[in-house]
């Protein structure tokens, strides 16, 4: 499974959104109606899934699904 698919699956679990509504361009607040707690929950799930640590400073600028996917892909040494 790709990083994007994992991120999308976690967002679906947290926000109960239809899969097709979540794209790489989706913005957390504006498009997915995710508040800061939703984003923190998503990032914690990703940390657990991939056994990684995402520093808080890194998350402050993450506004879109693409930014999260690219960051995690880089940590894992994969192409986004």
C-alpha atoms as a PDB file:
ATOM      1  CA  UNK A   1       0.000   0.000   0.000  1.00  0.00           C
ATOM      2  CA  UNK A   2       1.291   3.476  -0.820  1.00  0.00           C
ATOM      3  CA  UNK A   3       1.779   6.242   1.729  1.00  0.00           C
ATOM      4  CA  UNK A   4      -1.100   8.139   0.123  1.00  0.00           C
ATOM      5  CA  UNK A   5      -3.420   5.138   0.474  1.00  0.00           C
ATOM      6  CA  UNK A   6      -2.442   4.778   4.136  1.00  0.00           C
ATOM      7  CA  UNK A   7      -3.010   8.486   4.808  1.00  0.00           C
ATOM      8  CA  UNK A   8      -6.366   8.359   3.022  1.00  0.00           C
ATOM      9  CA  UNK A   9      -7.439   5.271   4.999  1.00  0.00           C
ATOM     10  CA  UNK A  10      -6.601   6.982   8.296  1.00  0.00           C
ATOM     11  CA  UNK A  11      -8.464  10.161   7.302  1.00  0.00           C
ATOM     12  CA  UNK A  12     -11.498   8.044   6.375  1.00  0.00           C
ATOM     13  CA  UNK A  13     -11.397   6.392   9.812  1.00  0.00           C
ATOM     14  CA  UNK A  14     -11.069   9.717  11.654  1.00  0.00           C
ATOM     15  CA  UNK A  15     -13.440  11.883   9.605  1.00  0.00           C
ATOM     16  CA  UNK A  16     -15.813   9.264   8.108  1.00  0.00           C
ATOM     17  CA  UNK A  17     -15.468  10.762   4.624  1.00  0.00           C
ATOM     18  CA  UNK A  18     -15.965   9.043   1.270  1.00  0.00           C
ATOM     19  CA  UNK A  19     -12.692   7.805  -0.218  1.00  0.00           C
ATOM     20  CA  UNK A  20     -13.110   9.765  -3.450  1.00  0.00           C
ATOM     21  CA  UNK A  21     -13.311  13.058  -1.523  1.00  0.00           C
ATOM     22  CA  UNK A  22      -9.694  12.705  -0.342  1.00  0.00           C
ATOM     23  CA  UNK A  23      -7.055  13.633  -2.899  1.00  0.00           C
ATOM     24  CA  UNK A  24      -3.428  14.738  -2.703  1.00  0.00           C
ATOM     25  CA  UNK A  25      -4.641  18.319  -3.133  1.00  0.00           C
ATOM     26  CA  UNK A  26      -7.147  18.104  -0.266  1.00  0.00           C
ATOM     27  CA  UNK A  27      -6.555  20.729   2.411  1.00  0.00           C
ATOM     28  CA  UNK A  28      -7.172  19.503   5.934  1.00  0.00           C
ATOM     29  CA  UNK A  29      -9.161  22.441   7.296  1.00  0.00           C
ATOM     30  CA  UNK A  30     -10.893  23.776   4.198  1.00  0.00           C
ATOM     31  CA  UNK A  31     -11.659  20.586   2.247  1.00  0.00           C
ATOM     32  CA  UNK A  32     -11.757  17.837   4.881  1.00  0.00           C
ATOM     33  CA  UNK A  33     -13.058  19.938   7.779  1.00  0.00           C
ATOM     34  CA  UNK A  34     -10.321  18.522   9.997  1.00  0.00           C
ATOM     35  CA  UNK A  35      -9.417  20.501  13.084  1.00  0.00           C
ATOM     36  CA  UNK A  36      -6.008  20.443  14.759  1.00  0.00           C
ATOM     37  CA  UNK A  37      -6.982  17.485  16.948  1.00  0.00           C
ATOM     38  CA  UNK A  38      -7.976  15.462  13.875  1.00  0.00           C
ATOM     39  CA  UNK A  39      -4.611  16.227  12.285  1.00  0.00           C
ATOM     40  CA  UNK A  40      -2.733  15.260  15.455  1.00  0.00           C
ATOM     41  CA  UNK A  41      -4.683  11.987  15.619  1.00  0.00           C
ATOM     42  CA  UNK A  42      -3.857  11.275  11.974  1.00  0.00           C
ATOM     43  CA  UNK A  43      -0.159  11.985  12.483  1.00  0.00           C
ATOM     44  CA  UNK A  44      -0.039   9.801  15.606  1.00  0.00           C
ATOM     45  CA  UNK A  45      -1.633   6.951  13.651  1.00  0.00           C
ATOM     46  CA  UNK A  46       0.950   7.390  10.889  1.00  0.00           C
ATOM     47  CA  UNK A  47       3.802   7.434  13.408  1.00  0.00           C
ATOM     48  CA  UNK A  48       2.527   4.172  14.855  1.00  0.00           C
ATOM     49  CA  UNK A  49       1.917   2.585  11.455  1.00  0.00           C
ATOM     50  CA  UNK A  50       5.372   3.395  10.099  1.00  0.00           C
ATOM     51  CA  UNK A  51       7.260   3.352  13.442  1.00  0.00           C
ATOM     52  CA  UNK A  52       8.543   6.887  12.877  1.00  0.00           C
ATOM     53  CA  UNK A  53       8.634  10.158  14.816  1.00  0.00           C
ATOM     54  CA  UNK A  54       7.278  13.324  13.231  1.00  0.00           C
ATOM     55  CA  UNK A  55       8.569  16.415  15.054  1.00  0.00           C
ATOM     56  CA  UNK A  56       5.943  18.991  15.935  1.00  0.00           C
ATOM     57  CA  UNK A  57       7.888  21.687  14.047  1.00  0.00           C
ATOM     58  CA  UNK A  58       7.554  19.630  10.858  1.00  0.00           C
ATOM     59  CA  UNK A  59       3.781  19.386  11.157  1.00  0.00           C
ATOM     60  CA  UNK A  60       3.129  23.108  11.550  1.00  0.00           C
ATOM     61  CA  UNK A  61       3.369  23.791   7.824  1.00  0.00           C
ATOM     62  CA  UNK A  62       1.459  20.727   6.671  1.00  0.00           C
ATOM     63  CA  UNK A  63      -1.818  21.946   5.227  1.00  0.00           C
ATOM     64  CA  UNK A  64      -2.504  19.386   2.492  1.00  0.00           C
ATOM     65  CA  UNK A  65      -2.550  15.618   2.133  1.00  0.00           C
ATOM     66  CA  UNK A  66       0.302  15.923  -0.397  1.00  0.00           C
ATOM     67  CA  UNK A  67       2.562  17.635   2.158  1.00  0.00           C
ATOM     68  CA  UNK A  68       2.051  14.814   4.656  1.00  0.00           C
ATOM     69  CA  UNK A  69       2.560  12.112   2.009  1.00  0.00           C
ATOM     70  CA  UNK A  70       5.756  13.759   0.728  1.00  0.00           C
ATOM     71  CA  UNK A  71       7.155  14.221   4.238  1.00  0.00           C
ATOM     72  CA  UNK A  72       6.530  10.621   5.255  1.00  0.00           C
ATOM     73  CA  UNK A  73       7.770   9.284   1.916  1.00  0.00           C
ATOM     74  CA  UNK A  74      11.011  11.240   2.391  1.00  0.00           C
ATOM     75  CA  UNK A  75      11.411   9.834   5.919  1.00  0.00           C
ATOM     76  CA  UNK A  76      10.957   6.334   4.552  1.00  0.00           C
ATOM     77  CA  UNK A  77      13.236   6.943   1.566  1.00  0.00           C
ATOM     78  CA  UNK A  78      10.424   6.372  -0.929  1.00  0.00           C
ATOM     79  CA  UNK A  79       9.075   8.368  -3.834  1.00  0.00           C
ATOM     80  CA  UNK A  80       5.815  10.144  -2.992  1.00  0.00           C
END
